[in-house]
Amino acid sequence: MDLTQEYIAQKLKESRKNGDESDGYAEIPVKPTTRLRNAAVLVPLTYVNDEWLLLFTRRTDRVQSHKGQVSFPGGASDEGETTPEQTALREAEEEIGMVPSDVKVLGRLSQLITISSYRVTPIVGVIPFPYAFKVSGAEVARVFTIPLLWLSDRNNYWEFFMRDSERSLITYHPYDGELLWGATARMTVTFLKTIGALDAKDLAGF
């Protein structure tokens, strides 16, 4: 598979051609009275040594929610922000010092609703690497990457359904001491499915 930026952008566009922003997945029961906050994350792709990598962060134990968890850079939308792209790029700059103009946005993934009552839109973008990250010590404990080839290997993660629930949980095996699971793992798998990269043997190409 020649996994080029153009190919990824086209697949992201095709996945949203019916206009649906969400695939209906929610980590909590959503009722008409449920109050949700809009949020966005940046799903940062980078190409190093002839392979694609995804960049993740590990949150500190001092943040308000999802303490110590692996995540993508992101957060709640600020007043005045009209697109999830604005939110994702602002949050990436605040959390890891990623200058918005250094990100080439390729498209969006479907929204999902998290257990913390956020409606999250993942924004896929290509970033340069290596990069002079300026990490927010209050929010981010570590920045690291995982190869797309490893993430796409079905032997490296599993999905199981919660008892007495229609929801499922995706969890990866540890990688470099980090555990990718929950909403971030679901976004990762959704991305891989969207671009047709699950269990792909050849993810080369730029």
Protein backbone atom coordinates (compact mmCIF):
# COMPACT_ATOMS: atom_id res chain seq x y z
CA MET A 1 0.00 0.00 0.00
CA ASP A 2 1.37 3.43 -0.96
CA LEU A 3 0.22 5.37 2.06
CA THR A 4 0.73 8.92 0.85
CA GLN A 5 -0.59 12.12 2.37
CA GLU A 6 -2.91 12.46 -0.62
CA TYR A 7 -4.24 8.93 -0.14
CA ILE A 8 -4.90 9.51 3.57
CA ALA A 9 -6.66 12.81 2.88
CA GLN A 10 -8.84 11.17 0.23
CA LYS A 11 -9.84 8.31 2.55
CA LEU A 12 -10.73 10.78 5.30
CA LYS A 13 -12.84 12.74 2.83
CA GLU A 14 -14.59 9.58 1.59
CA SER A 15 -15.42 8.51 5.14
CA ARG A 16 -17.46 11.68 5.63
CA LYS A 17 -19.12 11.89 2.22
CA ASN A 18 -22.55 11.13 3.68
CA GLY A 19 -22.24 14.17 5.93
CA ASP A 20 -22.38 12.26 9.21
CA GLU A 21 -20.14 13.80 11.88
CA SER A 22 -20.46 10.82 14.23
CA ASP A 23 -20.49 7.06 13.89
CA GLY A 24 -22.78 6.91 16.92
CA TYR A 25 -20.22 5.58 19.40
CA ALA A 26 -20.50 6.90 22.96
CA GLU A 27 -18.80 5.80 26.18
CA ILE A 28 -21.82 6.93 28.19
CA PRO A 29 -25.60 6.71 27.64
CA VAL A 30 -26.67 9.87 25.84
CA LYS A 31 -30.17 11.22 26.48
CA PRO A 32 -31.84 14.36 25.12
CA THR A 33 -31.03 16.03 28.44
CA THR A 34 -27.34 15.04 28.40
CA ARG A 35 -25.07 18.08 28.35
CA LEU A 36 -22.00 17.62 26.20
CA ARG A 37 -19.04 19.94 25.67
CA ASN A 38 -17.37 20.16 22.28
CA ALA A 39 -13.71 19.19 22.12
CA ALA A 40 -11.10 18.25 19.55
CA VAL A 41 -7.79 16.43 19.42
CA LEU A 42 -4.95 16.45 16.94
CA VAL A 43 -4.03 13.01 15.60
CA PRO A 44 -0.41 13.79 14.64
CA LEU A 45 1.13 11.74 11.85
CA THR A 46 4.80 11.91 11.00
CA TYR A 47 7.08 10.09 8.55
CA VAL A 48 10.51 9.04 9.82
CA ASN A 49 13.03 6.55 8.40
CA ASP A 50 10.62 5.30 5.73
CA GLU A 51 7.68 4.63 8.04
CA TRP A 52 4.65 6.41 9.40
CA LEU A 53 4.33 7.07 13.12
CA LEU A 54 1.56 8.43 15.32
CA LEU A 55 2.50 10.84 18.08
CA PHE A 56 0.91 10.55 21.52
CA THR A 57 1.24 12.24 24.89
CA ARG A 58 0.92 10.89 28.41
CA ARG A 59 -1.05 13.18 30.68
CA THR A 60 0.27 14.17 34.08
CA ASP A 61 -1.36 13.26 37.38
CA ARG A 62 -2.21 16.94 37.88
CA VAL A 63 -4.79 17.35 35.11
CA GLN A 64 -8.47 17.45 35.97
CA SER A 65 -9.49 14.33 34.05
CA HIS A 66 -7.89 11.22 32.53
CA LYS A 67 -4.89 11.49 34.81
CA GLY A 68 -1.80 9.62 33.62
CA GLN A 69 -3.50 8.33 30.48
CA VAL A 70 -2.13 8.17 26.96
CA SER A 71 -3.88 10.66 24.72
CA PHE A 72 -3.63 12.86 21.66
CA PRO A 73 -3.01 16.58 22.19
CA GLY A 74 -6.40 18.23 22.60
CA GLY A 75 -9.11 19.58 24.83
CA ALA A 76 -12.34 21.52 25.10
CA SER A 77 -13.29 24.19 22.58
CA ASP A 78 -12.87 27.79 23.67
CA GLU A 79 -15.54 30.42 23.22
CA GLY A 80 -15.24 31.92 19.74
CA GLU A 81 -13.71 28.84 18.13
CA THR A 82 -15.90 27.88 15.19
CA THR A 83 -14.18 24.72 13.97
CA PRO A 84 -12.63 21.67 15.65
CA GLU A 85 -9.48 22.34 13.63
CA GLN A 86 -9.01 25.61 15.53
CA THR A 87 -9.40 23.81 18.84
CA ALA A 88 -7.09 20.93 17.99
CA LEU A 89 -4.30 23.19 16.72
CA ARG A 90 -4.57 25.59 19.67
CA GLU A 91 -4.47 22.73 22.17
CA ALA A 92 -1.48 21.12 20.42
CA GLU A 93 0.37 24.42 20.65
CA GLU A 94 -0.50 24.85 24.33
CA GLU A 95 0.33 21.27 25.31
CA ILE A 96 3.41 20.41 23.22
CA GLY A 97 4.43 23.66 21.53
CA MET A 98 3.37 22.54 18.05
CA VAL A 99 3.10 25.70 15.93
CA PRO A 100 -0.20 25.52 13.98
CA SER A 101 1.47 26.51 10.70
CA ASP A 102 3.76 23.45 11.05
CA VAL A 103 0.74 21.11 10.85
CA LYS A 104 -0.68 20.02 7.50
CA VAL A 105 -4.30 19.13 8.25
CA LEU A 106 -5.53 16.17 6.18
CA GLY A 107 -9.09 15.78 7.45
CA ARG A 108 -11.37 14.66 10.26
CA LEU A 109 -12.40 11.38 11.81
CA SER A 110 -15.90 10.68 13.13
CA GLN A 111 -16.80 12.20 16.48
CA LEU A 112 -17.13 10.16 19.63
CA ILE A 113 -18.54 10.91 23.06
CA THR A 114 -16.24 10.23 25.99
CA ILE A 115 -16.97 9.09 29.50
CA SER A 116 -16.19 12.64 30.67
CA SER A 117 -19.12 14.00 28.57
CA TYR A 118 -17.12 15.52 25.73
CA ARG A 119 -18.08 15.32 22.07
CA VAL A 120 -14.62 14.93 20.53
CA THR A 121 -13.66 15.52 16.90
CA PRO A 122 -10.27 14.01 15.94
CA ILE A 123 -8.31 16.10 13.41
CA VAL A 124 -5.64 14.24 11.44
CA GLY A 125 -2.55 16.24 10.54
CA VAL A 126 1.02 15.63 9.38
CA ILE A 127 3.78 17.13 11.53
CA PRO A 128 7.55 17.48 11.07
CA PHE A 129 9.82 15.25 13.14
CA PRO A 130 12.09 15.54 15.01
CA TYR A 131 10.61 18.71 16.45
CA ALA A 132 11.53 21.13 19.23
CA PHE A 133 8.53 20.35 21.43
CA LYS A 134 7.80 22.73 24.29
CA VAL A 135 5.87 20.55 26.69
CA SER A 136 3.39 21.96 29.17
CA GLY A 137 4.62 20.44 32.41
CA ALA A 138 1.24 20.87 34.05
CA GLU A 139 -0.56 18.75 31.44
CA VAL A 140 1.93 16.53 29.62
CA ALA A 141 4.36 14.10 31.21
CA ARG A 142 5.77 12.64 28.00
CA VAL A 143 5.63 12.88 24.19
CA PHE A 144 6.32 9.70 22.22
CA THR A 145 5.57 7.94 18.94
CA ILE A 146 4.30 4.49 17.94
CA PRO A 147 4.77 3.05 14.42
CA LEU A 148 1.62 2.71 12.36
CA LEU A 149 2.75 -0.76 11.32
CA TRP A 150 2.76 -1.89 14.97
CA LEU A 151 -0.58 -0.23 15.68
CA SER A 152 -2.15 -1.91 12.65
CA ASP A 153 -1.12 -5.41 13.73
CA ARG A 154 -4.26 -7.11 15.06
CA ASN A 155 -2.09 -9.15 17.45
CA ASN A 156 -1.19 -5.99 19.34
CA TYR A 157 -4.66 -5.00 20.53
CA TRP A 158 -7.96 -6.52 21.48
CA GLU A 159 -11.55 -5.35 21.76
CA PHE A 160 -14.02 -6.72 24.24
CA PHE A 161 -17.58 -5.83 25.21
CA MET A 162 -18.43 -4.54 28.65
CA ARG A 163 -20.75 -6.74 30.68
CA ASP A 164 -24.39 -5.59 30.55
CA SER A 165 -23.46 -2.91 28.03
CA GLU A 166 -23.45 -2.41 24.28
CA ARG A 167 -20.15 -0.57 24.60
CA SER A 168 -16.79 -2.12 23.87
CA LEU A 169 -13.29 -1.29 25.07
CA ILE A 170 -10.16 -1.31 22.92
CA THR A 171 -6.82 -1.90 24.62
CA TYR A 172 -3.35 -2.25 23.12
CA HIS A 173 -0.47 -4.21 24.53
CA PRO A 174 2.08 -1.90 26.20
CA TYR A 175 4.52 -0.19 23.84
CA ASP A 176 7.70 1.42 25.18
CA GLY A 177 6.18 1.29 28.64
CA GLU A 178 3.01 3.11 27.58
CA LEU A 179 -0.53 1.72 27.60
CA LEU A 180 -2.87 2.90 24.83
CA TRP A 181 -6.50 2.19 25.61
CA GLY A 182 -9.99 3.69 25.81
CA ALA A 183 -11.08 6.62 23.67
CA THR A 184 -7.60 7.28 22.26
CA ALA A 185 -7.20 3.64 21.25
CA ARG A 186 -10.62 3.77 19.59
CA MET A 187 -9.67 6.89 17.63
CA THR A 188 -6.46 5.14 16.58
CA VAL A 189 -8.28 2.04 15.35
CA THR A 190 -10.93 4.18 13.63
CA PHE A 191 -8.15 6.02 11.81
CA LEU A 192 -6.51 2.77 10.74
CA LYS A 193 -9.82 1.37 9.50
CA THR A 194 -10.60 4.58 7.65
CA ILE A 195 -7.37 4.49 5.66
CA GLY A 196 -7.55 0.71 5.17
CA ALA A 197 -4.36 0.08 7.12
CA LEU A 198 -5.40 -2.60 9.61
CA ASP A 199 -3.14 -5.64 9.26
CA ALA A 200 -1.44 -4.02 6.26
CA LYS A 201 1.95 -5.55 5.54
CA ASP A 202 3.36 -2.52 3.75
CA LEU A 203 2.68 0.98 5.03
CA ALA A 204 5.53 2.60 3.12
CA GLY A 205 5.17 5.65 0.96
CA PHE A 206 5.04 9.41 1.40
